[in-house]
Amino acid sequence: MSTFDRPGDVFLADCPARLAVEILSDKWSVVVVYALGNGPRRHGELKALIGGVSTKMLTQTLRRLQHHGLVRREAFAEAPPRVEYTLTDLGKSALEPVDALCRWAEQNGDAVLDAQESEVPG
């Protein structure tokens, strides 16, 4: 029996761990969690830091992470209004696997590109 054949497998539809995997497996979720790992950021700072993400997609990602308890949104009563996003304790606990994924990507990015370029169309 493989470790993935046991009850509680994260890939089973009714397993709560599956939701957690789905949340973090989203491309922009990983990037946002990583970007917030060094402390609070404003929306514009995140957009500039991440690059390539649309305002709409960043907003949707932040709302999703907030809904699932990984990100906290704090609005300050100032003129002009200021909003900051920060990781919750739950979000901070995701930094270790996100960091591991980022290290893997840095170490293997060239190999992935090489494999992609050497693939025979067909």
PDB file of N, CA and C in Angstrom:
ATOM      1  N   MET A   1       0.857  -1.180   0.000  1.00  0.00           N
ATOM      2  CA  MET A   1       0.000   0.000   0.000  1.00  0.00           C
ATOM      3  C   MET A   1       0.895   1.234   0.000  1.00  0.00           C
ATOM      4  N   SER A   2       0.692   2.129  -0.944  1.00  0.00           N
ATOM      5  CA  SER A   2       1.472   3.361  -0.972  1.00  0.00           C
ATOM      6  C   SER A   2       0.914   4.322   0.069  1.00  0.00           C
ATOM      7  N   THR A   3       1.706   5.331   0.399  1.00  0.00           N
ATOM      8  CA  THR A   3       1.262   6.310   1.396  1.00  0.00           C
ATOM      9  C   THR A   3       0.072   7.118   0.902  1.00  0.00           C
ATOM     10  N   PHE A   4      -0.199   7.107  -0.398  1.00  0.00           N
ATOM     11  CA  PHE A   4      -1.314   7.866  -0.938  1.00  0.00           C
ATOM     12  C   PHE A   4      -2.611   7.066  -0.981  1.00  0.00           C
ATOM     13  N   ASP A   5      -2.562   5.787  -0.577  1.00  0.00           N
ATOM     14  CA  ASP A   5      -3.750   4.942  -0.592  1.00  0.00           C
ATOM     15  C   ASP A   5      -4.457   4.901   0.758  1.00  0.00           C
ATOM     16  N   ARG A   6      -3.949   5.617   1.731  1.00  0.00           N
ATOM     17  CA  ARG A   6      -4.516   5.560   3.078  1.00  0.00           C
ATOM     18  C   ARG A   6      -5.658   6.557   3.243  1.00  0.00           C
ATOM     19  N   PRO A   7      -6.557   6.279   4.180  1.00  0.00           N
ATOM     20  CA  PRO A   7      -7.599   7.265   4.496  1.00  0.00           C
ATOM     21  C   PRO A   7      -6.936   8.572   4.944  1.00  0.00           C
ATOM     22  N   GLY A   8      -7.549   9.676   4.589  1.00  0.00           N
ATOM     23  CA  GLY A   8      -6.982  10.969   4.940  1.00  0.00           C
ATOM     24  C   GLY A   8      -6.043  11.499   3.870  1.00  0.00           C
ATOM     25  N   ASP A   9      -5.938  10.785   2.763  1.00  0.00           N
ATOM     26  CA  ASP A   9      -5.106  11.216   1.648  1.00  0.00           C
ATOM     27  C   ASP A   9      -5.538  12.629   1.241  1.00  0.00           C
ATOM     28  N   VAL A  10      -4.564  13.527   1.071  1.00  0.00           N
ATOM     29  CA  VAL A  10      -4.881  14.922   0.742  1.00  0.00           C
ATOM     30  C   VAL A  10      -5.557  15.079  -0.613  1.00  0.00           C
ATOM     31  N   PHE A  11      -5.587  14.026  -1.418  1.00  0.00           N
ATOM     32  CA  PHE A  11      -6.218  14.142  -2.719  1.00  0.00           C
ATOM     33  C   PHE A  11      -7.665  13.658  -2.726  1.00  0.00           C
ATOM     34  N   LEU A  12      -8.156  13.139  -1.615  1.00  0.00           N
ATOM     35  CA  LEU A  12      -9.549  12.734  -1.537  1.00  0.00           C
ATOM     36  C   LEU A  12     -10.430  13.972  -1.494  1.00  0.00           C
ATOM     37  N   ALA A  13     -11.560  13.917  -2.154  1.00  0.00           N
ATOM     38  CA  ALA A  13     -12.434  15.080  -2.280  1.00  0.00           C
ATOM     39  C   ALA A  13     -12.921  15.608  -0.936  1.00  0.00           C
ATOM     40  N   ASP A  14     -13.109  14.737   0.042  1.00  0.00           N
ATOM     41  CA  ASP A  14     -13.677  15.184   1.315  1.00  0.00           C
ATOM     42  C   ASP A  14     -12.620  15.460   2.386  1.00  0.00           C
ATOM     43  N   CYS A  15     -11.360  15.468   2.015  1.00  0.00           N
ATOM     44  CA  CYS A  15     -10.293  15.700   2.990  1.00  0.00           C
ATOM     45  C   CYS A  15     -10.023  17.199   3.117  1.00  0.00           C
ATOM     46  N   PRO A  16     -10.069  17.742   4.342  1.00  0.00           N
ATOM     47  CA  PRO A  16      -9.807  19.176   4.523  1.00  0.00           C
ATOM     48  C   PRO A  16      -8.423  19.584   4.027  1.00  0.00           C
ATOM     49  N   ALA A  17      -7.469  18.675   4.071  1.00  0.00           N
ATOM     50  CA  ALA A  17      -6.127  19.004   3.593  1.00  0.00           C
ATOM     51  C   ALA A  17      -6.133  19.302   2.091  1.00  0.00           C
ATOM     52  N   ARG A  18      -7.078  18.728   1.374  1.00  0.00           N
ATOM     53  CA  ARG A  18      -7.151  18.989  -0.068  1.00  0.00           C
ATOM     54  C   ARG A  18      -7.432  20.461  -0.338  1.00  0.00           C
ATOM     55  N   LEU A  19      -8.302  21.065   0.444  1.00  0.00           N
ATOM     56  CA  LEU A  19      -8.589  22.490   0.290  1.00  0.00           C
ATOM     57  C   LEU A  19      -7.323  23.304   0.521  1.00  0.00           C
ATOM     58  N   ALA A  20      -6.568  22.953   1.549  1.00  0.00           N
ATOM     59  CA  ALA A  20      -5.329  23.680   1.840  1.00  0.00           C
ATOM     60  C   ALA A  20      -4.344  23.568   0.680  1.00  0.00           C
ATOM     61  N   VAL A  21      -4.243  22.374   0.104  1.00  0.00           N
ATOM     62  CA  VAL A  21      -3.355  22.175  -1.049  1.00  0.00           C
ATOM     63  C   VAL A  21      -3.857  23.000  -2.232  1.00  0.00           C
ATOM     64  N   GLU A  22      -5.154  23.004  -2.464  1.00  0.00           N
ATOM     65  CA  GLU A  22      -5.713  23.767  -3.580  1.00  0.00           C
ATOM     66  C   GLU A  22      -5.473  25.261  -3.418  1.00  0.00           C
ATOM     67  N   ILE A  23      -5.580  25.760  -2.192  1.00  0.00           N
ATOM     68  CA  ILE A  23      -5.354  27.189  -1.948  1.00  0.00           C
ATOM     69  C   ILE A  23      -3.919  27.564  -2.283  1.00  0.00           C
ATOM     70  N   LEU A  24      -2.975  26.774  -1.803  1.00  0.00           N
ATOM     71  CA  LEU A  24      -1.567  27.104  -2.013  1.00  0.00           C
ATOM     72  C   LEU A  24      -1.049  26.700  -3.382  1.00  0.00           C
ATOM     73  N   SER A  25      -1.766  25.847  -4.103  1.00  0.00           N
ATOM     74  CA  SER A  25      -1.275  25.435  -5.412  1.00  0.00           C
ATOM     75  C   SER A  25      -1.592  26.460  -6.496  1.00  0.00           C
ATOM     76  N   ASP A  26      -2.396  27.437  -6.167  1.00  0.00           N
ATOM     77  CA  ASP A  26      -2.687  28.510  -7.109  1.00  0.00           C
ATOM     78  C   ASP A  26      -1.424  29.341  -7.340  1.00  0.00           C
ATOM     79  N   LYS A  27      -1.132  29.628  -8.592  1.00  0.00           N
ATOM     80  CA  LYS A  27       0.080  30.361  -8.976  1.00  0.00           C
ATOM     81  C   LYS A  27       0.256  31.653  -8.180  1.00  0.00           C
ATOM     82  N   TRP A  28      -0.768  32.462  -8.124  1.00  0.00           N
ATOM     83  CA  TRP A  28      -0.620  33.770  -7.487  1.00  0.00           C
ATOM     84  C   TRP A  28      -0.641  33.671  -5.970  1.00  0.00           C
ATOM     85  N   SER A  29      -1.312  32.670  -5.409  1.00  0.00           N
ATOM     86  CA  SER A  29      -1.333  32.506  -3.955  1.00  0.00           C
ATOM     87  C   SER A  29       0.067  32.278  -3.409  1.00  0.00           C
ATOM     88  N   VAL A  30       0.819  31.406  -4.050  1.00  0.00           N
ATOM     89  CA  VAL A  30       2.184  31.127  -3.608  1.00  0.00           C
ATOM     90  C   VAL A  30       3.027  32.394  -3.663  1.00  0.00           C
ATOM     91  N   VAL A  31       2.903  33.138  -4.744  1.00  0.00           N
ATOM     92  CA  VAL A  31       3.692  34.349  -4.920  1.00  0.00           C
ATOM     93  C   VAL A  31       3.316  35.405  -3.878  1.00  0.00           C
ATOM     94  N   VAL A  32       2.023  35.550  -3.609  1.00  0.00           N
ATOM     95  CA  VAL A  32       1.572  36.540  -2.624  1.00  0.00           C
ATOM     96  C   VAL A  32       2.032  36.154  -1.221  1.00  0.00           C
ATOM     97  N   VAL A  33       1.882  34.891  -0.856  1.00  0.00           N
ATOM     98  CA  VAL A  33       2.354  34.445   0.464  1.00  0.00           C
ATOM     99  C   VAL A  33       3.848  34.706   0.591  1.00  0.00           C
ATOM    100  N   TYR A  34       4.588  34.381  -0.435  1.00  0.00           N
ATOM    101  CA  TYR A  34       6.040  34.606  -0.423  1.00  0.00           C
ATOM    102  C   TYR A  34       6.342  36.093  -0.277  1.00  0.00           C
ATOM    103  N   ALA A  35       5.637  36.936  -1.019  1.00  0.00           N
ATOM    104  CA  ALA A  35       5.867  38.386  -0.980  1.00  0.00           C
ATOM    105  C   ALA A  35       5.525  38.976   0.386  1.00  0.00           C
ATOM    106  N   LEU A  36       4.532  38.412   1.051  1.00  0.00           N
ATOM    107  CA  LEU A  36       4.151  38.926   2.373  1.00  0.00           C
ATOM    108  C   LEU A  36       5.009  38.339   3.487  1.00  0.00           C
ATOM    109  N   GLY A  37       5.916  37.445   3.143  1.00  0.00           N
ATOM    110  CA  GLY A  37       6.768  36.802   4.138  1.00  0.00           C
ATOM    111  C   GLY A  37       7.699  37.752   4.855  1.00  0.00           C
ATOM    112  N   ASN A  38       7.977  38.901   4.254  1.00  0.00           N
ATOM    113  CA  ASN A  38       8.863  39.883   4.891  1.00  0.00           C
ATOM    114  C   ASN A  38       8.112  41.009   5.577  1.00  0.00           C
ATOM    115  N   GLY A  39       6.811  40.849   5.742  1.00  0.00           N
ATOM    116  CA  GLY A  39       6.043  41.849   6.474  1.00  0.00           C
ATOM    117  C   GLY A  39       4.921  42.451   5.649  1.00  0.00           C
ATOM    118  N   PRO A  40       4.177  43.362   6.270  1.00  0.00           N
ATOM    119  CA  PRO A  40       3.001  43.956   5.634  1.00  0.00           C
ATOM    120  C   PRO A  40       3.346  44.692   4.338  1.00  0.00           C
ATOM    121  N   ARG A  41       2.408  44.649   3.421  1.00  0.00           N
ATOM    122  CA  ARG A  41       2.562  45.348   2.140  1.00  0.00           C
ATOM    123  C   ARG A  41       1.228  45.947   1.730  1.00  0.00           C
ATOM    124  N   ARG A  42       1.314  47.051   1.022  1.00  0.00           N
ATOM    125  CA  ARG A  42       0.128  47.646   0.424  1.00  0.00           C
ATOM    126  C   ARG A  42      -0.108  46.991  -0.933  1.00  0.00           C
ATOM    127  N   HIS A  43      -1.324  47.145  -1.442  1.00  0.00           N
ATOM    128  CA  HIS A  43      -1.707  46.527  -2.715  1.00  0.00           C
ATOM    129  C   HIS A  43      -0.732  46.924  -3.827  1.00  0.00           C
ATOM    130  N   GLY A  44      -0.454  48.211  -3.942  1.00  0.00           N
ATOM    131  CA  GLY A  44       0.442  48.698  -4.990  1.00  0.00           C
ATOM    132  C   GLY A  44       1.858  48.154  -4.845  1.00  0.00           C
ATOM    133  N   GLU A  45       2.310  48.021  -3.604  1.00  0.00           N
ATOM    134  CA  GLU A  45       3.637  47.449  -3.366  1.00  0.00           C
ATOM    135  C   GLU A  45       3.688  45.994  -3.820  1.00  0.00           C
ATOM    136  N   LEU A  46       2.633  45.251  -3.492  1.00  0.00           N
ATOM    137  CA  LEU A  46       2.571  43.857  -3.908  1.00  0.00           C
ATOM    138  C   LEU A  46       2.570  43.744  -5.430  1.00  0.00           C
ATOM    139  N   LYS A  47       1.772  44.574  -6.084  1.00  0.00           N
ATOM    140  CA  LYS A  47       1.674  44.532  -7.542  1.00  0.00           C
ATOM    141  C   LYS A  47       3.034  44.819  -8.174  1.00  0.00           C
ATOM    142  N   ALA A  48       3.753  45.812  -7.659  1.00  0.00           N
ATOM    143  CA  ALA A  48       5.076  46.151  -8.197  1.00  0.00           C
ATOM    144  C   ALA A  48       6.095  45.060  -7.888  1.00  0.00           C
ATOM    145  N   LEU A  49       6.027  44.507  -6.703  1.00  0.00           N
ATOM    146  CA  LEU A  49       6.973  43.473  -6.286  1.00  0.00           C
ATOM    147  C   LEU A  49       6.784  42.183  -7.084  1.00  0.00           C
ATOM    148  N   ILE A  50       5.545  41.805  -7.288  1.00  0.00           N
ATOM    149  CA  ILE A  50       5.245  40.545  -7.966  1.00  0.00           C
ATOM    150  C   ILE A  50       5.475  40.667  -9.468  1.00  0.00           C
ATOM    151  N   GLY A  51       4.961  41.687 -10.081  1.00  0.00           N
ATOM    152  CA  GLY A  51       5.123  41.848 -11.522  1.00  0.00           C
ATOM    153  C   GLY A  51       4.324  40.809 -12.291  1.00  0.00           C
ATOM    154  N   GLY A  52       3.654  41.251 -13.344  1.00  0.00           N
ATOM    155  CA  GLY A  52       2.922  40.330 -14.199  1.00  0.00           C
ATOM    156  C   GLY A  52       1.528  39.982 -13.735  1.00  0.00           C
ATOM    157  N   VAL A  53       1.161  40.410 -12.546  1.00  0.00           N
ATOM    158  CA  VAL A  53      -0.177  40.124 -12.040  1.00  0.00           C
ATOM    159  C   VAL A  53      -1.056  41.348 -12.279  1.00  0.00           C
ATOM    160  N   SER A  54      -2.268  41.116 -12.747  1.00  0.00           N
ATOM    161  CA  SER A  54      -3.195  42.229 -12.954  1.00  0.00           C
ATOM    162  C   SER A  54      -3.741  42.687 -11.605  1.00  0.00           C
ATOM    163  N   THR A  55      -4.211  43.896 -11.574  1.00  0.00           N
ATOM    164  CA  THR A  55      -4.825  44.438 -10.359  1.00  0.00           C
ATOM    165  C   THR A  55      -6.001  43.562  -9.933  1.00  0.00           C
ATOM    166  N   LYS A  56      -6.821  43.164 -10.899  1.00  0.00           N
ATOM    167  CA  LYS A  56      -7.987  42.333 -10.609  1.00  0.00           C
ATOM    168  C   LYS A  56      -7.573  40.984 -10.019  1.00  0.00           C
ATOM    169  N   MET A  57      -6.584  40.336 -10.608  1.00  0.00           N
ATOM    170  CA  MET A  57      -6.158  39.021 -10.133  1.00  0.00           C
ATOM    171  C   MET A  57      -5.526  39.118  -8.742  1.00  0.00           C
ATOM    172  N   LEU A  58      -4.748  40.176  -8.512  1.00  0.00           N
ATOM    173  CA  LEU A  58      -4.146  40.357  -7.193  1.00  0.00           C
ATOM    174  C   LEU A  58      -5.228  40.567  -6.142  1.00  0.00           C
ATOM    175  N   THR A  59      -6.210  41.382  -6.460  1.00  0.00           N
ATOM    176  CA  THR A  59      -7.323  41.612  -5.533  1.00  0.00           C
ATOM    177  C   THR A  59      -8.068  40.320  -5.244  1.00  0.00           C
ATOM    178  N   GLN A  60      -8.358  39.536  -6.276  1.00  0.00           N
ATOM    179  CA  GLN A  60      -9.054  38.259  -6.087  1.00  0.00           C
ATOM    180  C   GLN A  60      -8.225  37.307  -5.232  1.00  0.00           C
ATOM    181  N   THR A  61      -6.924  37.265  -5.475  1.00  0.00           N
ATOM    182  CA  THR A  61      -6.047  36.375  -4.707  1.00  0.00           C
ATOM    183  C   THR A  61      -5.989  36.799  -3.253  1.00  0.00           C
ATOM    184  N   LEU A  62      -5.849  38.087  -2.998  1.00  0.00           N
ATOM    185  CA  LEU A  62      -5.812  38.578  -1.620  1.00  0.00           C
ATOM    186  C   LEU A  62      -7.125  38.272  -0.903  1.00  0.00           C
ATOM    187  N   ARG A  63      -8.239  38.467  -1.577  1.00  0.00           N
ATOM    188  CA  ARG A  63      -9.544  38.170  -0.967  1.00  0.00           C
ATOM    189  C   ARG A  63      -9.687  36.680  -0.657  1.00  0.00           C
ATOM    190  N   ARG A  64      -9.222  35.852  -1.570  1.00  0.00           N
ATOM    191  CA  ARG A  64      -9.297  34.394  -1.354  1.00  0.00           C
ATOM    192  C   ARG A  64      -8.430  33.977  -0.176  1.00  0.00           C
ATOM    193  N   LEU A  65      -7.220  34.505  -0.114  1.00  0.00           N
ATOM    194  CA  LEU A  65      -6.325  34.178   1.000  1.00  0.00           C
ATOM    195  C   LEU A  65      -6.875  34.715   2.314  1.00  0.00           C
ATOM    196  N   GLN A  66      -7.510  35.873   2.258  1.00  0.00           N
ATOM    197  CA  GLN A  66      -8.141  36.435   3.455  1.00  0.00           C
ATOM    198  C   GLN A  66      -9.321  35.566   3.888  1.00  0.00           C
ATOM    199  N   HIS A  67     -10.130  35.151   2.936  1.00  0.00           N
ATOM    200  CA  HIS A  67     -11.291  34.304   3.228  1.00  0.00           C
ATOM    201  C   HIS A  67     -10.884  32.993   3.897  1.00  0.00           C
ATOM    202  N   HIS A  68      -9.731  32.464   3.500  1.00  0.00           N
ATOM    203  CA  HIS A  68      -9.261  31.186   4.038  1.00  0.00           C
ATOM    204  C   HIS A  68      -8.324  31.364   5.233  1.00  0.00           C
ATOM    205  N   GLY A  69      -8.193  32.594   5.717  1.00  0.00           N
ATOM    206  CA  GLY A  69      -7.475  32.825   6.967  1.00  0.00           C
ATOM    207  C   GLY A  69      -5.963  32.936   6.872  1.00  0.00           C
ATOM    208  N   LEU A  70      -5.422  33.089   5.665  1.00  0.00           N
ATOM    209  CA  LEU A  70      -3.973  33.195   5.526  1.00  0.00           C
ATOM    210  C   LEU A  70      -3.480  34.640   5.512  1.00  0.00           C
ATOM    211  N   VAL A  71      -4.355  35.559   5.129  1.00  0.00           N
ATOM    212  CA  VAL A  71      -3.991  36.970   5.011  1.00  0.00           C
ATOM    213  C   VAL A  71      -4.970  37.815   5.806  1.00  0.00           C
ATOM    214  N   ARG A  72      -4.429  38.849   6.422  1.00  0.00           N
ATOM    215  CA  ARG A  72      -5.248  39.828   7.148  1.00  0.00           C
ATOM    216  C   ARG A  72      -5.173  41.153   6.395  1.00  0.00           C
ATOM    217  N   ARG A  73      -6.323  41.767   6.223  1.00  0.00           N
ATOM    218  CA  ARG A  73      -6.426  43.090   5.587  1.00  0.00           C
ATOM    219  C   ARG A  73      -6.697  44.104   6.677  1.00  0.00           C
ATOM    220  N   GLU A  74      -5.885  45.127   6.716  1.00  0.00           N
ATOM    221  CA  GLU A  74      -6.077  46.166   7.724  1.00  0.00           C
ATOM    222  C   GLU A  74      -6.203  47.522   7.035  1.00  0.00           C
ATOM    223  N   ALA A  75      -7.352  48.165   7.268  1.00  0.00           N
ATOM    224  CA  ALA A  75      -7.608  49.489   6.704  1.00  0.00           C
ATOM    225  C   ALA A  75      -7.344  50.529   7.783  1.00  0.00           C
ATOM    226  N   PHE A  76      -6.581  51.539   7.442  1.00  0.00           N
ATOM    227  CA  PHE A  76      -6.235  52.606   8.382  1.00  0.00           C
ATOM    228  C   PHE A  76      -7.087  53.832   8.081  1.00  0.00           C
ATOM    229  N   ALA A  77      -7.597  54.451   9.135  1.00  0.00           N
ATOM    230  CA  ALA A  77      -8.441  55.638   8.993  1.00  0.00           C
ATOM    231  C   ALA A  77      -7.541  56.858   8.786  1.00  0.00           C
ATOM    232  N   GLU A  78      -7.092  57.006   7.575  1.00  0.00           N
ATOM    233  CA  GLU A  78      -6.210  58.111   7.208  1.00  0.00           C
ATOM    234  C   GLU A  78      -6.725  58.745   5.928  1.00  0.00           C
ATOM    235  N   ALA A  79      -6.209  59.916   5.637  1.00  0.00           N
ATOM    236  CA  ALA A  79      -6.515  60.555   4.364  1.00  0.00           C
ATOM    237  C   ALA A  79      -5.198  60.759   3.627  1.00  0.00           C
ATOM    238  N   PRO A  80      -4.999  60.157   2.493  1.00  0.00           N
ATOM    239  CA  PRO A  80      -5.893  59.209   1.837  1.00  0.00           C
ATOM    240  C   PRO A  80      -5.914  57.866   2.563  1.00  0.00           C
ATOM    241  N   PRO A  81      -6.952  57.060   2.324  1.00  0.00           N
ATOM    242  CA  PRO A  81      -7.057  55.766   2.995  1.00  0.00           C
ATOM    243  C   PRO A  81      -5.855  54.871   2.672  1.00  0.00           C
ATOM    244  N   ARG A  82      -5.462  54.092   3.653  1.00  0.00           N
ATOM    245  CA  ARG A  82      -4.338  53.173   3.478  1.00  0.00           C
ATOM    246  C   ARG A  82      -4.780  51.794   3.923  1.00  0.00           C
ATOM    247  N   VAL A  83      -4.448  50.788   3.110  1.00  0.00           N
ATOM    248  CA  VAL A  83      -4.774  49.390   3.411  1.00  0.00           C
ATOM    249  C   VAL A  83      -3.490  48.584   3.315  1.00  0.00           C
ATOM    250  N   GLU A  84      -3.261  47.746   4.313  1.00  0.00           N
ATOM    251  CA  GLU A  84      -2.101  46.864   4.303  1.00  0.00           C
ATOM    252  C   GLU A  84      -2.554  45.415   4.442  1.00  0.00           C
ATOM    253  N   TYR A  85      -1.778  44.555   3.838  1.00  0.00           N
ATOM    254  CA  TYR A  85      -2.018  43.119   3.922  1.00  0.00           C
ATOM    255  C   TYR A  85      -0.842  42.484   4.637  1.00  0.00           C
ATOM    256  N   THR A  86      -1.151  41.547   5.508  1.00  0.00           N
ATOM    257  CA  THR A  86      -0.116  40.842   6.247  1.00  0.00           C
ATOM    258  C   THR A  86      -0.528  39.385   6.398  1.00  0.00           C
ATOM    259  N   LEU A  87       0.444  38.527   6.616  1.00  0.00           N
ATOM    260  CA  LEU A  87       0.135  37.118   6.848  1.00  0.00           C
ATOM    261  C   LEU A  87      -0.384  36.932   8.271  1.00  0.00           C
ATOM    262  N   THR A  88      -1.384  36.095   8.411  1.00  0.00           N
ATOM    263  CA  THR A  88      -1.843  35.674   9.731  1.00  0.00           C
ATOM    264  C   THR A  88      -0.867  34.601  10.228  1.00  0.00           C
ATOM    265  N   ASP A  89      -1.092  34.104  11.434  1.00  0.00           N
ATOM    266  CA  ASP A  89      -0.260  33.008  11.923  1.00  0.00           C
ATOM    267  C   ASP A  89      -0.389  31.785  11.007  1.00  0.00           C
ATOM    268  N   LEU A  90      -1.596  31.542  10.522  1.00  0.00           N
ATOM    269  CA  LEU A  90      -1.806  30.438   9.589  1.00  0.00           C
ATOM    270  C   LEU A  90      -1.020  30.680   8.299  1.00  0.00           C
ATOM    271  N   GLY A  91      -1.065  31.901   7.796  1.00  0.00           N
ATOM    272  CA  GLY A  91      -0.304  32.245   6.596  1.00  0.00           C
ATOM    273  C   GLY A  91       1.189  32.101   6.803  1.00  0.00           C
ATOM    274  N   LYS A  92       1.659  32.508   7.983  1.00  0.00           N
ATOM    275  CA  LYS A  92       3.094  32.361   8.291  1.00  0.00           C
ATOM    276  C   LYS A  92       3.494  30.893   8.333  1.00  0.00           C
ATOM    277  N   SER A  93       2.578  30.038   8.771  1.00  0.00           N
ATOM    278  CA  SER A  93       2.893  28.610   8.812  1.00  0.00           C
ATOM    279  C   SER A  93       3.039  28.036   7.403  1.00  0.00           C
ATOM    280  N   ALA A  94       2.504  28.714   6.394  1.00  0.00           N
ATOM    281  CA  ALA A  94       2.632  28.262   5.002  1.00  0.00           C
ATOM    282  C   ALA A  94       3.966  28.676   4.392  1.00  0.00           C
ATOM    283  N   LEU A  95       4.699  29.546   5.063  1.00  0.00           N
ATOM    284  CA  LEU A  95       5.962  30.014   4.493  1.00  0.00           C
ATOM    285  C   LEU A  95       6.987  28.901   4.306  1.00  0.00           C
ATOM    286  N   GLU A  96       7.042  27.960   5.222  1.00  0.00           N
ATOM    287  CA  GLU A  96       8.029  26.884   5.097  1.00  0.00           C
ATOM    288  C   GLU A  96       7.825  26.068   3.815  1.00  0.00           C
ATOM    289  N   PRO A  97       6.610  25.560   3.547  1.00  0.00           N
ATOM    290  CA  PRO A  97       6.443  24.834   2.282  1.00  0.00           C
ATOM    291  C   PRO A  97       6.579  25.734   1.056  1.00  0.00           C
ATOM    292  N   VAL A  98       6.157  26.981   1.155  1.00  0.00           N
ATOM    293  CA  VAL A  98       6.303  27.910   0.028  1.00  0.00           C
ATOM    294  C   VAL A  98       7.787  28.167  -0.237  1.00  0.00           C
ATOM    295  N   ASP A  99       8.564  28.375   0.818  1.00  0.00           N
ATOM    296  CA  ASP A  99      10.010  28.553   0.660  1.00  0.00           C
ATOM    297  C   ASP A  99      10.645  27.322   0.018  1.00  0.00           C
ATOM    298  N   ALA A 100      10.218  26.137   0.445  1.00  0.00           N
ATOM    299  CA  ALA A 100      10.756  24.899  -0.133  1.00  0.00           C
ATOM    300  C   ALA A 100      10.429  24.827  -1.627  1.00  0.00           C
ATOM    301  N   LEU A 101       9.218  25.184  -2.000  1.00  0.00           N
ATOM    302  CA  LEU A 101       8.822  25.175  -3.402  1.00  0.00           C
ATOM    303  C   LEU A 101       9.647  26.186  -4.193  1.00  0.00           C
ATOM    304  N   CYS A 102       9.869  27.358  -3.619  1.00  0.00           N
ATOM    305  CA  CYS A 102      10.669  28.388  -4.300  1.00  0.00           C
ATOM    306  C   CYS A 102      12.113  27.928  -4.488  1.00  0.00           C
ATOM    307  N   ARG A 103      12.684  27.283  -3.476  1.00  0.00           N
ATOM    308  CA  ARG A 103      14.054  26.754  -3.609  1.00  0.00           C
ATOM    309  C   ARG A 103      14.108  25.700  -4.704  1.00  0.00           C
ATOM    310  N   TRP A 104      13.123  24.804  -4.735  1.00  0.00           N
ATOM    311  CA  TRP A 104      13.076  23.788  -5.779  1.00  0.00           C
ATOM    312  C   TRP A 104      12.996  24.450  -7.154  1.00  0.00           C
ATOM    313  N   ALA A 105      12.135  25.459  -7.287  1.00  0.00           N
ATOM    314  CA  ALA A 105      11.964  26.152  -8.568  1.00  0.00           C
ATOM    315  C   ALA A 105      13.266  26.816  -9.004  1.00  0.00           C
ATOM    316  N   GLU A 106      13.969  27.444  -8.072  1.00  0.00           N
ATOM    317  CA  GLU A 106      15.248  28.090  -8.404  1.00  0.00           C
ATOM    318  C   GLU A 106      16.277  27.055  -8.855  1.00  0.00           C
ATOM    319  N   GLN A 107      16.302  25.916  -8.191  1.00  0.00           N
ATOM    320  CA  GLN A 107      17.281  24.874  -8.506  1.00  0.00           C
ATOM    321  C   GLN A 107      16.944  24.131  -9.801  1.00  0.00           C
ATOM    322  N   ASN A 108      15.688  24.061 -10.156  1.00  0.00           N
ATOM    323  CA  ASN A 108      15.270  23.229 -11.279  1.00  0.00           C
ATOM    324  C   ASN A 108      14.622  23.978 -12.435  1.00  0.00           C
ATOM    325  N   GLY A 109      14.543  25.298 -12.336  1.00  0.00           N
ATOM    326  CA  GLY A 109      13.904  26.087 -13.396  1.00  0.00           C
ATOM    327  C   GLY A 109      14.528  25.867 -14.761  1.00  0.00           C
ATOM    328  N   ASP A 110      15.868  25.848 -14.817  1.00  0.00           N
ATOM    329  CA  ASP A 110      16.541  25.629 -16.100  1.00  0.00           C
ATOM    330  C   ASP A 110      16.237  24.239 -16.659  1.00  0.00           C
ATOM    331  N   ALA A 111      16.209  23.235 -15.796  1.00  0.00           N
ATOM    332  CA  ALA A 111      15.919  21.869 -16.243  1.00  0.00           C
ATOM    333  C   ALA A 111      14.498  21.778 -16.791  1.00  0.00           C
ATOM    334  N   VAL A 112      13.563  22.468 -16.170  1.00  0.00           N
ATOM    335  CA  VAL A 112      12.181  22.469 -16.655  1.00  0.00           C
ATOM    336  C   VAL A 112      12.121  23.119 -18.041  1.00  0.00           C
ATOM    337  N   LEU A 113      12.808  24.254 -18.203  1.00  0.00           N
ATOM    338  CA  LEU A 113      12.836  24.918 -19.516  1.00  0.00           C
ATOM    339  C   LEU A 113      13.502  24.040 -20.560  1.00  0.00           C
ATOM    340  N   ASP A 114      14.614  23.397 -20.188  1.00  0.00           N
ATOM    341  CA  ASP A 114      15.300  22.502 -21.128  1.00  0.00           C
ATOM    342  C   ASP A 114      14.378  21.374 -21.581  1.00  0.00           C
ATOM    343  N   ALA A 115      13.661  20.778 -20.648  1.00  0.00           N
ATOM    344  CA  ALA A 115      12.741  19.689 -20.971  1.00  0.00           C
ATOM    345  C   ALA A 115      11.621  20.189 -21.881  1.00  0.00           C
ATOM    346  N   GLN A 116      11.150  21.366 -21.605  1.00  0.00           N
ATOM    347  CA  GLN A 116      10.075  21.951 -22.412  1.00  0.00           C
ATOM    348  C   GLN A 116      10.553  22.220 -23.843  1.00  0.00           C
ATOM    349  N   GLU A 117      11.772  22.734 -23.971  1.00  0.00           N
ATOM    350  CA  GLU A 117      12.320  23.049 -25.296  1.00  0.00           C
ATOM    351  C   GLU A 117      12.682  21.803 -26.086  1.00  0.00           C
ATOM    352  N   SER A 118      13.034  20.719 -25.403  1.00  0.00           N
ATOM    353  CA  SER A 118      13.438  19.506 -26.106  1.00  0.00           C
ATOM    354  C   SER A 118      12.268  18.600 -26.445  1.00  0.00           C
ATOM    355  N   GLU A 119      11.087  18.949 -25.970  1.00  0.00           N
ATOM    356  CA  GLU A 119       9.896  18.147 -26.247  1.00  0.00           C
ATOM    357  C   GLU A 119       9.583  18.180 -27.734  1.00  0.00           C
ATOM    358  N   VAL A 120       9.357  17.015 -28.273  1.00  0.00           N
ATOM    359  CA  VAL A 120       9.047  16.895 -29.699  1.00  0.00           C
ATOM    360  C   VAL A 120       7.564  17.167 -29.892  1.00  0.00           C
ATOM    361  N   PRO A 121       7.229  18.125 -30.763  1.00  0.00           N
ATOM    362  CA  PRO A 121       5.806  18.413 -31.006  1.00  0.00           C
ATOM    363  C   PRO A 121       5.124  17.203 -31.620  1.00  0.00           C
ATOM    364  N   GLY A 122       3.888  17.036 -31.233  1.00  0.00           N
ATOM    365  CA  GLY A 122       3.280  15.965 -31.918  1.00  0.00           C
ATOM    366  C   GLY A 122       2.060  15.426 -31.420  1.00  0.00           C
TER     367      GLY A 122
END
